[in-house]
Amino acid sequence: MLLKDDKSPIQKHSHPRSRLMTTLQTDISAIIVTWNSSQWISNCLKSLMNDLNSFYYKIVVVDNASTDNTTDLIRENFPEVILVQNTVNEGFARACNRALLECQSEYVLFINPDTEVVPGMTDTLVAFMKGHPEVGAIGPTLLNTDGSLQLSGNTFPNLRNIWLESLFLDRLFPKNRFFGSHKLSHLNRSEVCKIDWTMGSCLLLRKEALDKVGSFDNRFFLFFEETDLCLRLKKAGYEVYLIPEAKIVHGGGSSRLENYSANKIIHYHRSLFLYFNKNLPAQLLWVRAAIFIRSVILISMWLYLYPCRTQTAKEKFRGYCEAIKLCLFFK
């Protein structure tokens, strides 16, 4: 039974099974940013609420002006969720920051709507963070819908790994420590891993650390906002970890058409250039050169496929044409 405290937005959930008091005394806020997420949001919220049943918690959903029935589904089926509706799509970072205004909990969990929590994930993440005060952010193992592994722990972007990926050497030698250094594809993912950053599709943060380094940079509309945040955490002395025992299914990591959209390609490269311009400005020119070469190669490939008139080919072609423009005119 879900109980509401009139004096606090925190949702309190009692459960018949006995739980460790250290867990029951923990406050956690979960933040979800939605945009046309009706096909996923119900499964996401059901699995999340079930996994949070041993915590004092609240869930904040910020909807970025969906045109489907995402908000109707939430209002009708999850009235306990705090729903914030934007009139325009403000992007991921700004929407998360808006939700953070509602959160004063000990921990904050950022989670994508196209995910389904594997039972026990949150308990495992919080237990590790409680036992390691140096940890500022932590992520679970990400799984595709078929149960296969998604590579979610990375090193910070730098000139070397951008060039290696632009020349596709990371694809040719994925298990090599040098060529695959960016995505750490050589790591044993069955062990706890200390990493530079992990994906914001599911990311638990210590609120104290977040308050110290600041929230997401609103200039990142999509992509690299969590990378920039983890960099600030590292500079402040915090560590970031990936925990294998905690698991979540991330449908967005699968090979779906929307992953090939031109808009995502454009947002990715704009945010990549913004990240370097902010954190490694001396390397930006060479990064733009690497992306220019990569984009030309990919455009040539998709031009070859374009006569097939597949939607994927069209989207890739348009996206990398816009990436070339960004290489030339980014400010």
Protein backbone atom coordinates (compact mmCIF):
# COMPACT_ATOMS: atom_id res chain seq x y z
CA MET A 1 0.00 0.00 0.00
CA LEU A 2 1.38 3.39 -0.99
CA LEU A 3 1.11 6.02 1.71
CA LYS A 4 1.38 9.75 1.12
CA ASP A 5 2.77 12.13 3.70
CA ASP A 6 0.90 15.43 3.37
CA LYS A 7 3.94 17.33 4.61
CA SER A 8 6.40 15.84 2.17
CA PRO A 9 6.40 14.89 -1.52
CA ILE A 10 8.31 11.71 -0.67
CA GLN A 11 6.16 8.64 -1.35
CA LYS A 12 6.34 6.08 1.49
CA HIS A 13 5.82 2.46 0.60
CA SER A 14 5.29 -0.28 3.18
CA HIS A 15 5.87 -3.90 2.25
CA PRO A 16 4.89 -7.09 4.11
CA ARG A 17 8.31 -8.69 3.73
CA SER A 18 10.97 -7.83 6.29
CA ARG A 19 13.69 -5.48 5.03
CA LEU A 20 16.97 -4.16 6.43
CA MET A 21 16.33 -0.98 8.35
CA THR A 22 19.29 0.68 6.64
CA THR A 23 17.35 0.35 3.39
CA LEU A 24 13.98 1.37 4.81
CA GLN A 25 15.48 4.55 6.24
CA THR A 26 16.87 5.61 2.87
CA ASP A 27 15.24 8.39 0.85
CA ILE A 28 15.55 8.15 -2.92
CA SER A 29 14.09 10.18 -5.77
CA ALA A 30 13.72 8.71 -9.25
CA ILE A 31 13.67 11.04 -12.26
CA ILE A 32 12.37 10.05 -15.69
CA VAL A 33 12.33 12.31 -18.75
CA THR A 34 9.76 11.31 -21.36
CA TRP A 35 9.07 12.25 -24.94
CA ASN A 36 6.51 10.16 -26.84
CA SER A 37 7.26 7.25 -24.51
CA SER A 38 3.80 5.66 -24.26
CA GLN A 39 4.95 2.26 -25.50
CA TRP A 40 7.47 1.92 -22.64
CA ILE A 41 6.44 4.08 -19.71
CA SER A 42 3.99 1.67 -18.04
CA ASN A 43 6.49 -1.20 -17.86
CA CYS A 44 9.19 1.18 -16.70
CA LEU A 45 7.14 2.65 -13.87
CA LYS A 46 5.74 -0.70 -12.73
CA SER A 47 9.17 -2.29 -12.52
CA LEU A 48 10.68 0.79 -10.89
CA MET A 49 7.99 1.12 -8.22
CA ASN A 50 8.28 -2.57 -7.40
CA ASP A 51 12.05 -2.22 -7.03
CA LEU A 52 11.73 0.85 -4.81
CA ASN A 53 9.34 -0.82 -2.37
CA SER A 54 11.97 -0.96 0.38
CA PHE A 55 12.70 2.78 0.28
CA TYR A 56 11.07 6.06 1.14
CA TYR A 57 10.77 7.34 -2.38
CA LYS A 58 9.17 9.60 -4.91
CA ILE A 59 9.13 9.49 -8.68
CA VAL A 60 9.22 12.63 -10.82
CA VAL A 61 8.42 12.43 -14.52
CA VAL A 62 9.16 15.43 -16.72
CA ASP A 63 7.46 15.18 -20.09
CA ASN A 64 9.07 17.10 -22.93
CA ALA A 65 5.89 18.02 -24.84
CA SER A 66 4.91 14.53 -25.99
CA THR A 67 2.39 14.31 -28.81
CA ASP A 68 1.25 10.77 -27.95
CA ASN A 69 -0.67 9.67 -24.83
CA THR A 70 2.33 9.39 -22.49
CA THR A 71 0.99 11.91 -19.97
CA ASP A 72 -2.53 10.45 -20.05
CA LEU A 73 -1.14 7.00 -19.23
CA ILE A 74 0.80 8.37 -16.28
CA ARG A 75 -2.09 10.42 -14.88
CA GLU A 76 -4.60 7.57 -15.19
CA ASN A 77 -2.44 4.66 -14.02
CA PHE A 78 0.20 6.22 -11.76
CA PRO A 79 -1.47 9.06 -9.83
CA GLU A 80 1.26 8.93 -7.15
CA VAL A 81 3.88 10.04 -9.68
CA ILE A 82 4.75 13.74 -9.77
CA LEU A 83 4.19 14.74 -13.40
CA VAL A 84 5.74 17.92 -14.81
CA GLN A 85 4.60 18.81 -18.34
CA ASN A 86 6.76 21.06 -20.49
CA THR A 87 5.11 22.94 -23.31
CA VAL A 88 8.20 22.50 -25.50
CA ASN A 89 10.93 19.86 -25.73
CA GLU A 90 13.62 21.31 -23.48
CA GLY A 91 16.05 18.42 -23.89
CA PHE A 92 17.28 15.87 -21.36
CA ALA A 93 19.58 17.99 -19.20
CA ARG A 94 17.19 20.88 -18.64
CA ALA A 95 14.29 18.50 -17.94
CA CYS A 96 16.37 16.60 -15.35
CA ASN A 97 17.33 19.85 -13.68
CA ARG A 98 13.68 20.87 -13.53
CA ALA A 99 12.87 17.58 -11.78
CA LEU A 100 15.74 18.05 -9.33
CA LEU A 101 13.90 21.06 -7.92
CA GLU A 102 11.45 18.53 -6.46
CA CYS A 103 14.15 16.33 -4.92
CA GLN A 104 15.78 16.66 -1.50
CA SER A 105 16.50 12.97 -0.99
CA GLU A 106 19.76 11.26 -0.07
CA TYR A 107 20.06 9.63 -3.51
CA VAL A 108 18.77 10.50 -6.98
CA LEU A 109 18.17 7.86 -9.64
CA PHE A 110 18.02 9.00 -13.26
CA ILE A 111 16.33 6.40 -15.43
CA ASN A 112 15.13 6.30 -19.03
CA PRO A 113 11.49 5.48 -19.88
CA ASP A 114 12.55 2.70 -22.28
CA THR A 115 13.99 0.62 -19.44
CA GLU A 116 12.69 -2.18 -17.24
CA VAL A 117 14.30 -2.68 -13.84
CA VAL A 118 15.46 -6.17 -12.95
CA PRO A 119 14.34 -6.80 -9.33
CA GLY A 120 16.96 -5.92 -6.73
CA MET A 121 18.79 -3.36 -8.85
CA THR A 122 18.22 -0.35 -6.62
CA ASP A 123 18.98 -2.24 -3.39
CA THR A 124 22.27 -3.39 -4.88
CA LEU A 125 23.29 0.06 -6.09
CA VAL A 126 22.39 1.82 -2.85
CA ALA A 127 24.10 -0.84 -0.71
CA PHE A 128 27.34 -0.38 -2.66
CA MET A 129 27.14 3.39 -2.43
CA LYS A 130 26.47 3.26 1.31
CA GLY A 131 29.58 1.13 1.77
CA HIS A 132 31.77 3.37 -0.40
CA PRO A 133 31.52 7.04 0.62
CA GLU A 134 33.96 8.03 -2.13
CA VAL A 135 31.42 7.06 -4.81
CA GLY A 136 29.51 9.94 -6.38
CA ALA A 137 27.77 8.08 -9.21
CA ILE A 138 27.08 4.45 -9.98
CA GLY A 139 25.44 2.51 -12.79
CA PRO A 140 24.04 -0.99 -13.27
CA THR A 141 24.72 -3.50 -16.01
CA LEU A 142 22.66 -2.60 -19.08
CA LEU A 143 21.05 -5.44 -21.01
CA ASN A 144 19.41 -5.52 -24.42
CA THR A 145 15.89 -6.92 -24.63
CA ASP A 146 17.34 -10.28 -25.71
CA GLY A 147 19.47 -10.41 -22.56
CA SER A 148 22.75 -9.58 -24.28
CA LEU A 149 25.13 -7.04 -22.78
CA GLN A 150 25.29 -3.34 -23.62
CA LEU A 151 28.66 -1.66 -23.08
CA SER A 152 27.83 1.15 -20.70
CA GLY A 153 31.06 2.09 -18.88
CA ASN A 154 33.42 4.34 -20.81
CA THR A 155 36.55 6.44 -20.50
CA PHE A 156 36.20 10.17 -21.01
CA PRO A 157 36.33 11.33 -24.65
CA ASN A 158 39.77 12.43 -25.78
CA LEU A 159 41.52 13.12 -29.06
CA ARG A 160 43.01 9.63 -29.28
CA ASN A 161 39.82 7.65 -28.91
CA ILE A 162 37.89 10.00 -31.20
CA TRP A 163 40.42 9.38 -33.98
CA LEU A 164 40.49 5.63 -33.34
CA GLU A 165 36.71 5.48 -33.62
CA SER A 166 36.65 7.78 -36.64
CA LEU A 167 38.96 5.37 -38.44
CA PHE A 168 36.85 2.40 -37.24
CA LEU A 169 39.85 0.84 -35.50
CA ASP A 170 37.73 0.24 -32.40
CA ARG A 171 35.41 -1.91 -34.54
CA LEU A 172 38.30 -3.85 -36.05
CA PHE A 173 40.00 -4.52 -32.71
CA PRO A 174 37.24 -4.27 -30.07
CA LYS A 175 39.02 -6.33 -27.39
CA ASN A 176 42.33 -4.52 -27.75
CA ARG A 177 43.14 -2.32 -24.73
CA PHE A 178 44.50 0.47 -26.96
CA PHE A 179 42.01 0.50 -29.83
CA GLY A 180 39.00 -0.28 -27.65
CA SER A 181 39.98 2.04 -24.82
CA HIS A 182 36.99 4.39 -25.13
CA LYS A 183 34.27 1.79 -24.54
CA LEU A 184 36.50 -0.37 -22.35
CA SER A 185 35.44 -3.43 -24.33
CA HIS A 186 38.30 -5.45 -22.82
CA LEU A 187 36.94 -5.21 -19.27
CA ASN A 188 35.59 -8.21 -17.40
CA ARG A 189 32.00 -7.04 -16.95
CA SER A 190 31.29 -9.70 -14.32
CA GLU A 191 33.40 -7.74 -11.83
CA VAL A 192 32.88 -4.34 -10.20
CA CYS A 193 34.49 -1.77 -12.49
CA LYS A 194 35.83 1.70 -11.69
CA ILE A 195 35.15 3.81 -14.79
CA ASP A 196 35.17 7.43 -15.91
CA TRP A 197 31.48 7.69 -16.74
CA THR A 198 28.43 5.59 -17.51
CA MET A 199 25.22 6.16 -19.43
CA GLY A 200 22.44 8.33 -18.04
CA SER A 201 19.87 5.73 -19.07
CA CYS A 202 20.23 4.50 -15.48
CA LEU A 203 22.47 6.43 -13.13
CA LEU A 204 22.35 6.68 -9.34
CA LEU A 205 23.90 9.80 -7.82
CA ARG A 206 24.68 10.81 -4.27
CA LYS A 207 22.68 14.02 -3.78
CA GLU A 208 25.44 15.51 -1.61
CA ALA A 209 27.90 15.08 -4.50
CA LEU A 210 25.41 16.49 -6.99
CA ASP A 211 24.88 19.56 -4.82
CA LYS A 212 28.65 20.03 -4.60
CA VAL A 213 29.47 19.88 -8.34
CA GLY A 214 26.19 21.24 -9.72
CA SER A 215 23.50 19.66 -11.84
CA PHE A 216 23.50 18.91 -15.57
CA ASP A 217 24.70 21.59 -17.97
CA ASN A 218 21.59 22.89 -19.72
CA ARG A 219 23.51 23.49 -22.93
CA PHE A 220 23.54 19.74 -23.63
CA PHE A 221 20.21 19.00 -25.29
CA LEU A 222 20.90 15.28 -25.68
CA PHE A 223 24.07 13.17 -25.21
CA PHE A 224 27.22 13.88 -23.15
CA GLU A 225 25.37 15.62 -20.32
CA GLU A 226 26.13 12.67 -18.03
CA THR A 227 29.72 12.54 -19.33
CA ASP A 228 30.25 16.18 -18.40
CA LEU A 229 28.66 15.64 -14.98
CA CYS A 230 30.83 12.60 -14.22
CA LEU A 231 33.91 14.60 -15.22
CA ARG A 232 33.00 17.25 -12.65
CA LEU A 233 32.44 14.53 -10.04
CA LYS A 234 35.89 13.09 -10.76
CA LYS A 235 37.51 16.52 -10.49
CA ALA A 236 35.79 16.97 -7.12
CA GLY A 237 37.33 13.72 -5.85
CA TYR A 238 34.40 11.33 -6.33
CA GLU A 239 34.54 7.95 -8.07
CA VAL A 240 32.20 6.35 -10.61
CA TYR A 241 31.51 2.63 -10.65
CA LEU A 242 29.66 0.01 -12.68
CA ILE A 243 28.07 -2.81 -10.65
CA PRO A 244 27.47 -6.16 -12.43
CA GLU A 245 24.98 -7.58 -9.92
CA ALA A 246 22.58 -4.67 -10.52
CA LYS A 247 20.80 -5.04 -13.86
CA ILE A 248 18.35 -3.17 -16.03
CA VAL A 249 16.94 -3.91 -19.49
CA HIS A 250 17.45 -0.95 -21.82
CA GLY A 251 15.33 -1.19 -24.95
CA GLY A 252 16.93 1.98 -26.32
CA GLY A 253 20.23 0.18 -26.76
CA SER A 254 18.74 -2.24 -29.24
CA SER A 255 18.92 -1.73 -33.00
CA ARG A 256 15.71 0.19 -33.54
CA LEU A 257 15.02 2.66 -36.34
CA GLU A 258 14.88 5.68 -34.02
CA ASN A 259 18.48 5.00 -33.05
CA TYR A 260 19.38 5.82 -36.66
CA SER A 261 17.44 9.09 -36.83
CA ALA A 262 19.12 12.12 -38.34
CA ASN A 263 18.17 14.25 -35.34
CA LYS A 264 20.02 11.93 -32.95
CA ILE A 265 23.11 12.04 -35.14
CA ILE A 266 22.97 15.84 -35.17
CA HIS A 267 22.44 16.12 -31.40
CA TYR A 268 25.25 13.64 -30.76
CA HIS A 269 27.83 15.61 -32.73
CA ARG A 270 26.71 19.01 -31.47
CA SER A 271 27.00 17.77 -27.89
CA LEU A 272 30.36 16.12 -28.62
CA PHE A 273 31.76 19.44 -29.88
CA LEU A 274 30.24 21.26 -26.91
CA TYR A 275 31.90 18.79 -24.52
CA PHE A 276 35.33 19.38 -26.06
CA ASN A 277 34.80 23.13 -26.34
CA LYS A 278 33.98 23.24 -22.62
CA ASN A 279 36.49 20.73 -21.24
CA LEU A 280 39.27 20.24 -23.83
CA PRO A 281 39.14 23.32 -26.07
CA ALA A 282 42.67 22.84 -27.44
CA GLN A 283 41.61 19.50 -28.94
CA LEU A 284 38.37 20.67 -30.58
CA LEU A 285 39.83 21.53 -33.98
CA TRP A 286 41.38 18.06 -34.35
CA VAL A 287 38.17 16.42 -33.15
CA ARG A 288 36.23 18.29 -35.82
CA ALA A 289 38.73 17.09 -38.41
CA ALA A 290 38.29 13.47 -37.28
CA ILE A 291 34.50 13.70 -37.37
CA PHE A 292 34.66 15.34 -40.81
CA ILE A 293 36.64 12.39 -42.19
CA ARG A 294 34.34 9.88 -40.50
CA SER A 295 31.24 11.63 -41.83
CA VAL A 296 32.57 11.65 -45.39
CA ILE A 297 33.23 7.90 -45.16
CA LEU A 298 29.77 7.20 -43.77
CA ILE A 299 28.05 9.44 -46.30
CA SER A 300 29.78 7.53 -49.09
CA MET A 301 28.55 4.28 -47.59
CA TRP A 302 25.00 5.47 -47.15
CA LEU A 303 24.97 6.98 -50.67
CA TYR A 304 25.66 3.47 -51.89
CA LEU A 305 22.69 2.22 -49.89
CA TYR A 306 20.49 5.24 -50.58
CA PRO A 307 19.09 3.90 -53.90
CA CYS A 308 17.50 1.14 -51.80
CA ARG A 309 15.46 3.97 -50.27
CA THR A 310 15.41 2.42 -46.83
CA GLN A 311 14.42 4.81 -44.07
CA THR A 312 17.63 4.03 -42.19
CA ALA A 313 19.78 4.96 -45.20
CA LYS A 314 17.92 8.23 -45.67
CA GLU A 315 18.23 9.19 -42.01
CA LYS A 316 21.93 8.31 -41.83
CA PHE A 317 22.68 10.23 -45.02
CA ARG A 318 20.90 13.37 -43.83
CA GLY A 319 22.36 13.11 -40.32
CA TYR A 320 25.99 12.88 -41.44
CA CYS A 321 25.51 15.68 -43.97
CA GLU A 322 24.46 17.86 -41.05
CA ALA A 323 27.43 16.57 -39.04
CA ILE A 324 29.76 17.86 -41.76
CA LYS A 325 28.11 21.27 -41.47
CA LEU A 326 28.73 21.19 -37.73
CA CYS A 327 32.39 20.33 -38.34
CA LEU A 328 32.72 23.42 -40.49
CA PHE A 329 30.53 25.93 -38.69
CA PHE A 330 30.25 24.88 -35.01
CA LYS A 331 30.54 27.81 -32.61
